[in-house]
Protein backbone atom coordinates (compact mmCIF):
# COMPACT_ATOMS: atom_id res chain seq x y z
CA MET A 1 -2.13 -46.47 59.95
CA THR A 2 -4.21 -46.62 63.12
CA THR A 3 -7.61 -45.02 63.43
CA ALA A 4 -8.33 -41.84 65.34
CA PRO A 5 -9.11 -42.30 69.04
CA ASP A 6 -12.73 -42.36 70.17
CA ALA A 7 -13.71 -40.30 73.21
CA ALA A 8 -15.81 -43.24 74.45
CA ASP A 9 -12.55 -45.19 75.04
CA PHE A 10 -11.40 -42.74 77.73
CA PRO A 11 -12.90 -42.90 81.22
CA VAL A 12 -11.79 -39.31 81.90
CA LEU A 13 -12.27 -36.34 79.57
CA TRP A 14 -10.48 -33.46 81.28
CA PRO A 15 -11.16 -29.89 80.06
CA VAL A 16 -8.10 -27.89 78.97
CA PRO A 17 -8.47 -24.51 77.25
CA THR A 18 -6.22 -23.31 74.50
CA ARG A 19 -4.45 -20.03 75.16
CA TRP A 20 -3.60 -17.16 72.84
CA ALA A 21 0.10 -17.97 73.35
CA ASP A 22 -0.42 -21.58 72.13
CA ASN A 23 -0.78 -20.40 68.52
CA ASP A 24 2.38 -20.08 66.50
CA HIS A 25 3.24 -17.91 63.51
CA TYR A 26 1.32 -20.29 61.23
CA GLY A 27 -1.95 -19.63 63.09
CA HIS A 28 -2.36 -23.02 64.74
CA VAL A 29 -1.46 -24.52 68.09
CA ASN A 30 2.24 -25.32 68.11
CA ASN A 31 3.26 -28.96 68.56
CA VAL A 32 4.91 -28.36 71.95
CA ALA A 33 1.58 -27.20 73.41
CA TYR A 34 0.11 -30.71 73.02
CA TYR A 35 2.60 -32.03 75.58
CA SER A 36 1.51 -29.26 77.92
CA PHE A 37 -2.12 -30.31 77.40
CA PHE A 38 -1.21 -33.89 78.38
CA ASP A 39 0.72 -32.78 81.48
CA THR A 40 -1.96 -30.31 82.56
CA ALA A 41 -4.76 -32.84 82.17
CA VAL A 42 -3.06 -35.73 83.95
CA ASN A 43 -1.83 -33.66 86.90
CA GLY A 44 -5.01 -31.58 87.16
CA TRP A 45 -7.12 -34.72 87.14
CA LEU A 46 -4.85 -36.43 89.72
CA MET A 47 -5.20 -33.46 92.07
CA SER A 48 -8.96 -33.35 91.64
CA ALA A 49 -9.50 -37.12 91.90
CA THR A 50 -7.29 -37.55 94.98
CA GLY A 51 -8.26 -34.28 96.66
CA THR A 52 -4.54 -33.90 97.34
CA ASP A 53 -1.89 -31.47 96.21
CA ILE A 54 0.25 -34.15 94.58
CA ARG A 55 3.31 -31.89 94.75
CA GLU A 56 3.32 -32.39 98.52
CA LEU A 57 3.44 -36.20 98.49
CA ASP A 58 6.63 -38.02 99.52
CA ALA A 59 6.82 -39.40 95.98
CA VAL A 60 6.31 -37.41 92.80
CA GLY A 61 5.58 -38.56 89.26
CA VAL A 62 8.24 -37.51 86.79
CA VAL A 63 7.73 -37.87 83.06
CA ALA A 64 10.05 -40.56 81.75
CA GLU A 65 8.55 -40.83 78.27
CA THR A 66 6.01 -39.02 76.14
CA SER A 67 4.84 -39.18 72.55
CA CYS A 68 2.24 -37.53 70.37
CA ARG A 69 0.65 -38.32 67.00
CA PHE A 70 -0.98 -35.27 65.43
CA LEU A 71 -4.31 -35.82 63.67
CA ALA A 72 -5.92 -32.41 63.17
CA GLN A 73 -5.04 -28.75 63.55
CA LEU A 74 -6.11 -26.81 66.64
CA SER A 75 -6.24 -23.05 67.07
CA PHE A 76 -7.05 -20.57 69.83
CA PRO A 77 -9.80 -20.29 71.14
CA ASP A 78 -10.62 -24.00 70.67
CA GLU A 79 -12.04 -25.75 73.71
CA LEU A 80 -10.42 -29.11 74.39
CA ARG A 81 -10.99 -32.31 76.31
CA VAL A 82 -8.01 -34.54 77.04
CA GLY A 83 -8.94 -38.20 77.22
CA ILE A 84 -7.15 -40.10 79.97
CA ALA A 85 -6.91 -43.89 80.27
CA VAL A 86 -4.29 -46.18 81.78
CA GLU A 87 -2.46 -48.54 79.46
CA LYS A 88 -0.31 -50.13 82.17
CA LEU A 89 -0.10 -49.79 85.94
CA GLY A 90 3.19 -50.97 87.39
CA THR A 91 4.81 -50.85 90.82
CA SER A 92 6.45 -47.47 90.37
CA SER A 93 5.16 -46.33 86.97
CA ILE A 94 1.96 -45.53 85.13
CA VAL A 95 1.62 -45.57 81.34
CA TYR A 96 -1.21 -43.28 80.30
CA SER A 97 -3.01 -43.47 76.97
CA LEU A 98 -4.09 -39.93 76.05
CA ALA A 99 -5.98 -38.10 73.34
CA VAL A 100 -6.74 -34.46 72.64
CA PHE A 101 -10.25 -33.72 71.37
CA ARG A 102 -11.57 -30.42 70.06
CA VAL A 103 -15.06 -29.58 71.27
CA ALA A 104 -17.37 -29.02 68.31
CA GLY A 105 -21.13 -28.91 68.02
CA GLY A 106 -23.51 -27.73 70.69
CA PRO A 107 -25.93 -24.82 70.27
CA GLU A 108 -23.32 -22.47 68.77
CA ALA A 109 -22.91 -24.88 65.86
CA GLY A 110 -26.64 -25.04 65.16
CA ARG A 111 -27.26 -28.21 67.15
CA ASP A 112 -30.28 -28.16 69.39
CA ASP A 113 -29.55 -31.19 71.55
CA ASN A 114 -27.04 -29.42 73.88
CA ARG A 115 -24.45 -32.13 73.30
CA ASP A 116 -20.89 -31.51 72.23
CA GLU A 117 -19.15 -33.46 69.54
CA LEU A 118 -15.52 -34.31 70.26
CA VAL A 119 -13.17 -34.36 67.27
CA ALA A 120 -9.83 -36.16 67.68
CA ALA A 121 -6.85 -33.85 67.19
CA ALA A 122 -4.02 -35.97 68.67
CA SER A 123 -3.23 -39.20 70.44
CA GLY A 124 -0.37 -39.79 72.79
CA ARG A 125 1.36 -41.70 75.52
CA PHE A 126 2.74 -40.44 78.79
CA VAL A 127 4.80 -42.40 81.34
CA HIS A 128 5.00 -41.26 84.95
CA VAL A 129 7.69 -42.87 87.11
CA TYR A 130 7.27 -42.20 90.81
CA VAL A 131 10.41 -41.16 92.62
CA ASP A 132 11.21 -40.16 96.18
CA SER A 133 10.91 -36.38 96.47
CA ALA A 134 14.34 -36.05 98.08
CA THR A 135 16.50 -38.81 96.54
CA ARG A 136 14.82 -39.01 93.10
CA ARG A 137 15.09 -42.81 93.25
CA PRO A 138 12.10 -44.88 92.04
CA VAL A 139 9.56 -45.81 94.73
CA PRO A 140 6.11 -47.45 94.70
CA ILE A 141 3.20 -45.36 93.43
CA PRO A 142 1.63 -43.54 96.40
CA PRO A 143 -1.57 -45.27 97.60
CA GLU A 144 -3.73 -42.20 96.99
CA ILE A 145 -2.56 -42.11 93.36
CA ARG A 146 -2.96 -45.86 92.84
CA ALA A 147 -6.51 -45.75 94.24
CA VAL A 148 -7.73 -43.29 91.58
CA VAL A 149 -5.68 -44.68 88.69
CA GLU A 150 -6.61 -48.37 89.06
CA PRO A 151 -10.19 -47.85 87.80
CA LEU A 152 -8.79 -46.33 84.57
CA THR A 153 -6.90 -49.46 83.52
CA ALA A 154 -8.02 -50.92 80.22
C-alpha cells in the first residue's frame, strides 16, 4: 500500500469548496464529487495561470482517463485544497498527479500560528488529451497551456 500524498509534493494547491449537494445520504461527500474537485481545480488553475478562457482556445483538453484512491472521509462544509503536479507532459497530452486535502487547523482549531494543516483525503490521476475544437482530433498542447504546465513537471 502506498503512503498518503504530502501537500509539499504539489507545486499548486488550488482551493475548492465542498457544497451542500456534495454530501450523500450517508452524510459524507459522495465519491463522484472527487472527480469534480479534480476537474474544477485543474481547469480553474489553468484559466488563472494562463489568464485565458481555455474554452476559447483552438484546442481543448478532454479527459481521457481519471482515477481516484480514497483515503479519508470528507463532508460539507469542509474546505479543500487540490494538489496539482504533472506526472508526464507529452506532445498532445498531460498526465496530472492530483490529491485532495482537507484544511484543518488554524485559529478555529485552537492553533495560534495562523497556519492550516492539510490532511490527505484522496489521491488521483487525470489525463488531458488536447484535441482540435472542431474536429476533435488530437493536436499539440496549446503554447499558453504548455508554458504554465512545464514548471509543474516532477
